[in-house]
Amino acid sequence: METIKIRDEYIKLGQALKLAGLVDSGVEAKIEIQEGFVKVNGEVEVQRGKKIYPGDVIEFDGQQVKVEN
């Protein structure tokens, strides 16, 4: 499992996908999230603006990324 580090209290899901290198653009993130291909802590998430906090785990395309600060 990979990790990404954030400076702030939280990061939005679309931004986290880009930071982790799982998508190339915000548009791609929006589409993948809206199509239901992204999970947060094991649950499908369809809100691009979902706040992701340290300790949360994002799953996409067979990869898992843990958010840390």
C-alpha atoms as a PDB file:
ATOM      1  CA  MET A   1       0.000   0.000   0.000  1.00  0.00           C
ATOM      2  CA  GLU A   2       1.321   3.395  -0.993  1.00  0.00           C
ATOM      3  CA  THR A   3       0.972   6.503   1.155  1.00  0.00           C
ATOM      4  CA  ILE A   4       0.508  10.182   0.406  1.00  0.00           C
ATOM      5  CA  LYS A   5       1.247  12.961   2.854  1.00  0.00           C
ATOM      6  CA  ILE A   6      -0.916  16.039   3.270  1.00  0.00           C
ATOM      7  CA  ARG A   7      -0.152  19.288   5.095  1.00  0.00           C
ATOM      8  CA  ASP A   8      -3.678  20.362   5.877  1.00  0.00           C
ATOM      9  CA  GLU A   9      -6.413  18.802   7.993  1.00  0.00           C
ATOM     10  CA  TYR A  10      -7.939  17.122   4.932  1.00  0.00           C
ATOM     11  CA  ILE A  11      -7.713  16.822   1.137  1.00  0.00           C
ATOM     12  CA  LYS A  12     -10.561  16.452  -1.325  1.00  0.00           C
ATOM     13  CA  LEU A  13     -10.913  13.055  -2.984  1.00  0.00           C
ATOM     14  CA  GLY A  14     -10.265  14.282  -6.518  1.00  0.00           C
ATOM     15  CA  GLN A  15      -7.099  16.065  -5.397  1.00  0.00           C
ATOM     16  CA  ALA A  16      -5.932  12.983  -3.509  1.00  0.00           C
ATOM     17  CA  LEU A  17      -6.284  10.817  -6.614  1.00  0.00           C
ATOM     18  CA  LYS A  18      -4.145  13.277  -8.571  1.00  0.00           C
ATOM     19  CA  LEU A  19      -1.562  13.597  -5.778  1.00  0.00           C
ATOM     20  CA  ALA A  20      -1.228   9.815  -5.619  1.00  0.00           C
ATOM     21  CA  GLY A  21      -0.736   9.644  -9.392  1.00  0.00           C
ATOM     22  CA  LEU A  22      -3.783   7.421  -9.852  1.00  0.00           C
ATOM     23  CA  VAL A  23      -5.305   9.813 -12.419  1.00  0.00           C
ATOM     24  CA  ASP A  24      -3.763  12.400 -14.723  1.00  0.00           C
ATOM     25  CA  SER A  25      -6.296  15.200 -14.376  1.00  0.00           C
ATOM     26  CA  GLY A  26      -9.175  16.553 -12.367  1.00  0.00           C
ATOM     27  CA  VAL A  27     -11.538  15.712 -15.210  1.00  0.00           C
ATOM     28  CA  GLU A  28     -10.411  12.078 -15.170  1.00  0.00           C
ATOM     29  CA  ALA A  29     -10.814  11.986 -11.383  1.00  0.00           C
ATOM     30  CA  LYS A  30     -14.339  13.392 -11.665  1.00  0.00           C
ATOM     31  CA  ILE A  31     -15.375  10.749 -14.202  1.00  0.00           C
ATOM     32  CA  GLU A  32     -13.864   7.811 -12.303  1.00  0.00           C
ATOM     33  CA  ILE A  33     -15.454   8.941  -9.025  1.00  0.00           C
ATOM     34  CA  GLN A  34     -18.891   9.591 -10.549  1.00  0.00           C
ATOM     35  CA  GLU A  35     -18.834   6.185 -12.274  1.00  0.00           C
ATOM     36  CA  GLY A  36     -18.374   4.533  -8.871  1.00  0.00           C
ATOM     37  CA  PHE A  37     -14.863   3.176  -9.450  1.00  0.00           C
ATOM     38  CA  VAL A  38     -13.341   4.748  -6.317  1.00  0.00           C
ATOM     39  CA  LYS A  39     -13.677   3.475  -2.749  1.00  0.00           C
ATOM     40  CA  VAL A  40     -12.861   5.271   0.484  1.00  0.00           C
ATOM     41  CA  ASN A  41     -12.371   3.017   3.510  1.00  0.00           C
ATOM     42  CA  GLY A  42     -13.990   0.145   1.617  1.00  0.00           C
ATOM     43  CA  GLU A  43     -17.134   2.054   0.586  1.00  0.00           C
ATOM     44  CA  VAL A  44     -17.874   3.326  -2.927  1.00  0.00           C
ATOM     45  CA  GLU A  45     -17.674   7.129  -2.953  1.00  0.00           C
ATOM     46  CA  VAL A  46     -19.259   9.236  -5.714  1.00  0.00           C
ATOM     47  CA  GLN A  47     -18.538  12.736  -4.352  1.00  0.00           C
ATOM     48  CA  ARG A  48     -15.412  14.288  -5.835  1.00  0.00           C
ATOM     49  CA  GLY A  49     -15.316  16.847  -3.015  1.00  0.00           C
ATOM     50  CA  LYS A  50     -15.437  14.218  -0.235  1.00  0.00           C
ATOM     51  CA  LYS A  51     -13.029  15.252   2.518  1.00  0.00           C
ATOM     52  CA  ILE A  52     -10.259  12.696   3.022  1.00  0.00           C
ATOM     53  CA  TYR A  53      -8.476  12.752   6.374  1.00  0.00           C
ATOM     54  CA  PRO A  54      -5.240  11.146   7.598  1.00  0.00           C
ATOM     55  CA  GLY A  55      -5.860   7.445   8.186  1.00  0.00           C
ATOM     56  CA  ASP A  56      -8.334   7.124   5.305  1.00  0.00           C
ATOM     57  CA  VAL A  57      -7.610   4.561   2.587  1.00  0.00           C
ATOM     58  CA  ILE A  58      -8.492   5.221  -1.061  1.00  0.00           C
ATOM     59  CA  GLU A  59      -8.899   2.310  -3.484  1.00  0.00           C
ATOM     60  CA  PHE A  60      -8.852   2.688  -7.260  1.00  0.00           C
ATOM     61  CA  ASP A  61      -7.921   0.407 -10.149  1.00  0.00           C
ATOM     62  CA  GLY A  62      -6.583  -2.324  -7.859  1.00  0.00           C
ATOM     63  CA  GLN A  63      -4.368   0.066  -5.900  1.00  0.00           C
ATOM     64  CA  GLN A  64      -4.674   1.283  -2.332  1.00  0.00           C
ATOM     65  CA  VAL A  65      -3.355   4.585  -1.012  1.00  0.00           C
ATOM     66  CA  LYS A  66      -3.308   5.603   2.647  1.00  0.00           C
ATOM     67  CA  VAL A  67      -3.422   9.279   3.564  1.00  0.00           C
ATOM     68  CA  GLU A  68      -1.021  10.512   6.246  1.00  0.00           C
ATOM     69  CA  ASN A  69       0.032  13.881   7.597  1.00  0.00           C
END
